[in-house]
C-alpha cells in the first residue's frame, strides 16, 4: 500500500525574480523538509534552505522543523532582513523631528 502524500507549494522571491514550485511530499512532512526538498537553492545560488526563515501563507513559522504541513499549504522562504524594522522606524522618526525643528522659524 502506498504511503499517503500531500501536495504543497514552495515559493521564494527576490525583488526581480520569483519561483513557485509544487511538490508532492509524504504526509507528515515538516515545513523545513518541504523547503529542503524543493531544491529552490538550485534556482537561487547562495540561498540557505537549512537556515532560512520560513512561513505559511504570510505567517512566520517559529519552529519549521516541528510544524507539520497540510494538503494545499504554501511554504514561503523568507530573505533575511537587511535592517531591523524597529531601528529603521526610529531613524525615520528622528529624521522627521529634525526636519520639523529645522523648518520652525528661529
N, C-alpha and C. Protein backbone atom coordinates (compact mmCIF):
# COMPACT_ATOMS: atom_id res chain seq x y z
N UNK A 1 0.84 -1.18 0.00
CA UNK A 1 0.00 0.00 0.00
C UNK A 1 0.89 1.25 0.00
N UNK A 2 0.55 2.21 -0.86
CA UNK A 2 1.32 3.45 -0.95
C UNK A 2 1.10 4.32 0.28
N UNK A 3 2.18 5.00 0.68
CA UNK A 3 2.06 5.95 1.78
C UNK A 3 1.27 7.16 1.30
N UNK A 4 0.44 7.75 2.17
CA UNK A 4 -0.31 8.93 1.75
C UNK A 4 0.63 10.11 1.50
N UNK A 5 0.28 10.92 0.49
CA UNK A 5 1.08 12.09 0.17
C UNK A 5 0.20 13.34 0.20
N UNK A 6 0.87 14.48 0.26
CA UNK A 6 0.19 15.76 0.19
C UNK A 6 0.87 16.61 -0.87
N UNK A 7 0.11 17.54 -1.44
CA UNK A 7 0.67 18.50 -2.40
C UNK A 7 0.78 19.85 -1.71
N UNK A 8 1.94 20.45 -1.81
CA UNK A 8 2.16 21.79 -1.25
C UNK A 8 2.92 22.62 -2.28
N UNK A 9 2.90 23.91 -2.08
CA UNK A 9 3.69 24.82 -2.90
C UNK A 9 4.82 25.39 -2.06
N UNK A 10 5.94 25.65 -2.70
CA UNK A 10 7.07 26.31 -2.04
C UNK A 10 7.42 27.51 -2.91
N UNK A 11 7.51 28.69 -2.28
CA UNK A 11 7.80 29.91 -3.03
C UNK A 11 8.98 30.66 -2.42
N UNK A 12 9.68 31.38 -3.30
CA UNK A 12 10.77 32.26 -2.88
C UNK A 12 10.80 33.40 -3.88
N UNK A 13 11.10 34.59 -3.39
CA UNK A 13 11.13 35.75 -4.29
C UNK A 13 12.26 36.70 -3.93
N UNK A 14 12.86 37.23 -4.96
CA UNK A 14 13.78 38.35 -4.87
C UNK A 14 13.04 39.53 -5.49
N UNK A 15 13.55 40.75 -5.35
CA UNK A 15 12.84 41.88 -5.97
C UNK A 15 12.63 41.71 -7.48
N UNK A 16 13.54 41.01 -8.15
CA UNK A 16 13.47 40.90 -9.61
C UNK A 16 13.18 39.50 -10.13
N UNK A 17 13.01 38.53 -9.24
CA UNK A 17 12.81 37.15 -9.69
C UNK A 17 12.06 36.38 -8.62
N UNK A 18 11.09 35.57 -9.04
CA UNK A 18 10.40 34.71 -8.08
C UNK A 18 10.15 33.34 -8.68
N UNK A 19 9.95 32.37 -7.81
CA UNK A 19 9.75 30.99 -8.26
C UNK A 19 8.73 30.32 -7.36
N UNK A 20 7.81 29.59 -7.96
CA UNK A 20 6.83 28.80 -7.23
C UNK A 20 6.93 27.36 -7.73
N UNK A 21 7.11 26.43 -6.81
CA UNK A 21 7.21 25.02 -7.15
C UNK A 21 6.11 24.24 -6.43
N UNK A 22 5.53 23.27 -7.11
CA UNK A 22 4.55 22.39 -6.48
C UNK A 22 5.24 21.06 -6.19
N UNK A 23 5.12 20.60 -4.95
CA UNK A 23 5.77 19.35 -4.53
C UNK A 23 4.73 18.35 -4.04
N UNK A 24 5.04 17.10 -4.22
CA UNK A 24 4.27 16.04 -3.60
C UNK A 24 5.19 15.41 -2.56
N UNK A 25 4.76 15.47 -1.30
CA UNK A 25 5.58 15.01 -0.18
C UNK A 25 4.83 13.97 0.63
N UNK A 26 5.56 13.14 1.37
CA UNK A 26 4.88 12.21 2.28
C UNK A 26 4.08 12.98 3.33
N UNK A 27 2.89 12.52 3.63
CA UNK A 27 2.09 13.13 4.70
C UNK A 27 2.94 13.15 5.96
N UNK A 28 2.86 14.22 6.72
CA UNK A 28 3.65 14.34 7.93
C UNK A 28 4.96 15.08 7.74
N UNK A 29 5.23 15.53 6.51
CA UNK A 29 6.46 16.29 6.25
C UNK A 29 6.40 17.64 6.95
N UNK A 30 7.58 18.13 7.36
CA UNK A 30 7.64 19.42 8.04
C UNK A 30 7.83 20.55 7.04
N UNK A 31 7.63 21.76 7.53
CA UNK A 31 7.84 22.96 6.71
C UNK A 31 9.29 23.00 6.21
N UNK A 32 10.24 22.71 7.11
CA UNK A 32 11.66 22.73 6.72
C UNK A 32 11.95 21.67 5.67
N UNK A 33 11.36 20.46 5.83
CA UNK A 33 11.58 19.39 4.84
C UNK A 33 11.12 19.83 3.46
N UNK A 34 9.98 20.50 3.39
CA UNK A 34 9.47 20.97 2.10
C UNK A 34 10.45 21.95 1.47
N UNK A 35 10.97 22.87 2.27
CA UNK A 35 11.94 23.84 1.74
C UNK A 35 13.18 23.12 1.22
N UNK A 36 13.69 22.18 2.01
CA UNK A 36 14.89 21.45 1.60
C UNK A 36 14.66 20.61 0.35
N UNK A 37 13.50 19.95 0.28
CA UNK A 37 13.21 19.08 -0.87
C UNK A 37 12.84 19.86 -2.12
N UNK A 38 12.53 21.14 -1.96
CA UNK A 38 12.13 21.95 -3.12
C UNK A 38 13.29 22.16 -4.09
N UNK A 39 14.52 22.13 -3.57
CA UNK A 39 15.68 22.40 -4.42
C UNK A 39 15.72 23.85 -4.89
N UNK A 40 15.04 24.73 -4.16
CA UNK A 40 14.97 26.14 -4.55
C UNK A 40 16.36 26.77 -4.64
N UNK A 41 17.31 26.24 -3.88
CA UNK A 41 18.67 26.78 -3.92
C UNK A 41 19.35 26.56 -5.27
N UNK A 42 18.83 25.65 -6.09
CA UNK A 42 19.38 25.49 -7.44
C UNK A 42 19.00 26.68 -8.32
N UNK A 43 17.85 27.30 -8.03
CA UNK A 43 17.38 28.45 -8.80
C UNK A 43 17.93 29.76 -8.25
N UNK A 44 18.30 29.74 -6.96
CA UNK A 44 18.80 30.94 -6.29
C UNK A 44 20.09 30.59 -5.55
N UNK A 45 21.24 30.59 -6.27
CA UNK A 45 22.50 30.23 -5.62
C UNK A 45 22.75 31.10 -4.39
N UNK A 46 23.23 30.46 -3.33
CA UNK A 46 23.50 31.18 -2.09
C UNK A 46 22.35 31.13 -1.10
N UNK A 47 21.19 30.66 -1.53
CA UNK A 47 20.05 30.54 -0.63
C UNK A 47 20.29 29.41 0.36
N UNK A 48 20.17 29.71 1.65
CA UNK A 48 20.42 28.73 2.71
C UNK A 48 19.09 28.13 3.17
N UNK A 49 18.69 27.03 2.53
CA UNK A 49 17.41 26.41 2.86
C UNK A 49 17.39 25.82 4.27
N UNK A 50 18.55 25.42 4.77
CA UNK A 50 18.60 24.82 6.11
C UNK A 50 18.42 25.86 7.21
N UNK A 51 18.72 27.14 6.90
CA UNK A 51 18.65 28.15 7.94
C UNK A 51 17.70 29.30 7.67
N UNK A 52 17.15 29.35 6.47
CA UNK A 52 16.27 30.48 6.10
C UNK A 52 15.01 30.51 6.95
N UNK A 53 14.53 31.71 7.28
CA UNK A 53 13.23 31.80 7.96
C UNK A 53 12.13 31.34 7.01
N UNK A 54 11.13 30.65 7.55
CA UNK A 54 10.06 30.09 6.73
C UNK A 54 8.70 30.50 7.28
N UNK A 55 7.70 30.47 6.40
CA UNK A 55 6.34 30.78 6.82
C UNK A 55 5.35 30.02 5.96
N UNK A 56 4.09 30.14 6.35
CA UNK A 56 2.99 29.53 5.59
C UNK A 56 1.95 30.62 5.38
N UNK A 57 1.61 30.87 4.11
CA UNK A 57 0.60 31.87 3.76
C UNK A 57 0.82 33.19 4.49
N UNK A 58 2.07 33.69 4.51
CA UNK A 58 2.35 35.00 5.06
C UNK A 58 2.56 35.07 6.56
N UNK A 59 2.52 33.94 7.24
CA UNK A 59 2.75 33.93 8.69
C UNK A 59 4.01 33.14 8.99
N UNK A 60 4.95 33.78 9.68
CA UNK A 60 6.21 33.12 10.02
C UNK A 60 5.93 31.91 10.90
N UNK A 61 6.71 30.86 10.68
CA UNK A 61 6.61 29.64 11.49
C UNK A 61 7.82 29.60 12.41
N UNK A 62 7.57 29.64 13.72
CA UNK A 62 8.67 29.72 14.70
C UNK A 62 9.55 28.48 14.68
N UNK A 63 8.94 27.30 14.54
CA UNK A 63 9.71 26.05 14.56
C UNK A 63 9.38 25.22 13.32
N UNK A 64 9.98 25.62 12.16
CA UNK A 64 9.62 24.94 10.91
C UNK A 64 10.01 23.47 10.85
N UNK A 65 10.94 23.06 11.74
CA UNK A 65 11.32 21.64 11.77
C UNK A 65 10.23 20.80 12.43
N UNK A 66 9.39 21.45 13.24
CA UNK A 66 8.36 20.73 14.00
C UNK A 66 6.96 20.88 13.40
N UNK A 67 6.73 21.94 12.64
CA UNK A 67 5.39 22.20 12.10
C UNK A 67 5.12 21.28 10.92
N UNK A 68 4.07 20.45 11.05
CA UNK A 68 3.69 19.51 10.01
C UNK A 68 2.81 20.21 8.98
N UNK A 69 3.07 19.92 7.72
CA UNK A 69 2.31 20.53 6.63
C UNK A 69 0.99 19.81 6.38
N UNK A 70 0.05 20.57 5.84
CA UNK A 70 -1.23 20.01 5.45
C UNK A 70 -1.42 20.21 3.95
N UNK A 71 -2.27 19.40 3.36
CA UNK A 71 -2.58 19.47 1.93
C UNK A 71 -2.88 20.91 1.51
N UNK A 72 -2.22 21.34 0.42
CA UNK A 72 -2.53 22.63 -0.18
C UNK A 72 -1.85 23.84 0.43
N UNK A 73 -1.06 23.67 1.47
CA UNK A 73 -0.42 24.82 2.09
C UNK A 73 0.72 25.35 1.21
N UNK A 74 1.03 26.65 1.39
CA UNK A 74 2.12 27.28 0.64
C UNK A 74 3.22 27.66 1.60
N UNK A 75 4.38 27.04 1.43
CA UNK A 75 5.56 27.34 2.25
C UNK A 75 6.29 28.51 1.60
N UNK A 76 6.57 29.53 2.40
CA UNK A 76 7.28 30.70 1.90
C UNK A 76 8.67 30.74 2.53
N UNK A 77 9.67 30.90 1.69
CA UNK A 77 11.05 31.03 2.16
C UNK A 77 11.35 32.52 2.19
N UNK A 78 11.70 33.02 3.37
CA UNK A 78 11.93 34.45 3.53
C UNK A 78 13.40 34.80 3.41
N UNK A 79 13.65 36.00 2.89
CA UNK A 79 15.01 36.53 2.85
C UNK A 79 15.33 37.10 4.21
N UNK A 80 16.59 37.04 4.62
CA UNK A 80 16.94 37.68 5.90
C UNK A 80 16.76 39.19 5.78
N UNK A 81 16.36 39.82 6.87
CA UNK A 81 16.19 41.27 6.86
C UNK A 81 17.55 41.95 6.79
N UNK A 82 17.63 42.98 5.98
CA UNK A 82 18.87 43.73 5.85
C UNK A 82 18.99 44.71 7.02
N UNK A 83 17.86 45.27 7.46
CA UNK A 83 17.86 46.23 8.57
C UNK A 83 16.73 45.85 9.52
N UNK A 84 16.95 46.14 10.79
CA UNK A 84 15.92 45.90 11.80
C UNK A 84 14.79 46.91 11.60
N UNK A 85 13.55 46.44 11.37
CA UNK A 85 12.45 47.37 11.10
C UNK A 85 12.23 48.40 12.21
N UNK A 86 12.41 48.01 13.47
CA UNK A 86 12.24 48.95 14.58
C UNK A 86 13.28 50.08 14.49
N UNK A 87 14.50 49.70 14.18
CA UNK A 87 15.58 50.69 14.07
C UNK A 87 15.31 51.63 12.91
N UNK A 88 14.83 51.11 11.80
CA UNK A 88 14.52 51.94 10.63
C UNK A 88 13.43 52.95 10.99
N UNK A 89 12.39 52.51 11.71
CA UNK A 89 11.31 53.42 12.12
C UNK A 89 11.85 54.52 13.05
N UNK A 90 12.72 54.13 13.98
CA UNK A 90 13.30 55.12 14.91
C UNK A 90 14.09 56.17 14.13
N UNK A 91 14.89 55.72 13.17
CA UNK A 91 15.70 56.65 12.38
C UNK A 91 14.81 57.59 11.57
N UNK A 92 13.73 57.03 11.00
CA UNK A 92 12.81 57.84 10.21
C UNK A 92 12.13 58.90 11.09
N UNK A 93 11.71 58.51 12.29
CA UNK A 93 11.06 59.44 13.21
C UNK A 93 12.03 60.55 13.64
N UNK A 94 13.26 60.18 13.91
CA UNK A 94 14.26 61.17 14.32
C UNK A 94 14.53 62.15 13.18
N UNK A 95 14.60 61.64 11.97
CA UNK A 95 14.84 62.49 10.80
C UNK A 95 13.67 63.46 10.60
N UNK A 96 12.43 62.97 10.76
CA UNK A 96 11.25 63.81 10.61
C UNK A 96 11.22 64.89 11.69
N UNK A 97 11.58 64.53 12.92
CA UNK A 97 11.59 65.50 14.03
C UNK A 97 12.63 66.58 13.78
N UNK A 98 13.79 66.18 13.28
CA UNK A 98 14.86 67.16 12.98
C UNK A 98 14.42 68.08 11.85
N UNK A 99 13.77 67.54 10.81
CA UNK A 99 13.32 68.34 9.69
C UNK A 99 12.28 69.37 10.17
N UNK A 100 11.40 68.95 11.05
CA UNK A 100 10.37 69.84 11.58
C UNK A 100 11.03 70.96 12.41
N UNK A 101 12.00 70.60 13.24
CA UNK A 101 12.71 71.59 14.06
C UNK A 101 13.46 72.59 13.18
N UNK A 102 14.07 72.11 12.09
CA UNK A 102 14.82 72.97 11.18
C UNK A 102 13.89 73.93 10.43
N UNK A 103 12.64 73.53 10.19
CA UNK A 103 11.70 74.36 9.46
C UNK A 103 11.08 75.47 10.31
N UNK A 104 11.12 75.29 11.63
CA UNK A 104 10.48 76.29 12.51
C UNK A 104 11.33 77.56 12.53
N UNK A 105 10.65 78.70 12.46
CA UNK A 105 11.41 79.97 12.49
C UNK A 105 12.12 80.12 13.83
N UNK A 106 13.34 80.62 13.78
CA UNK A 106 14.14 80.60 14.96
C UNK A 106 14.36 81.85 15.63
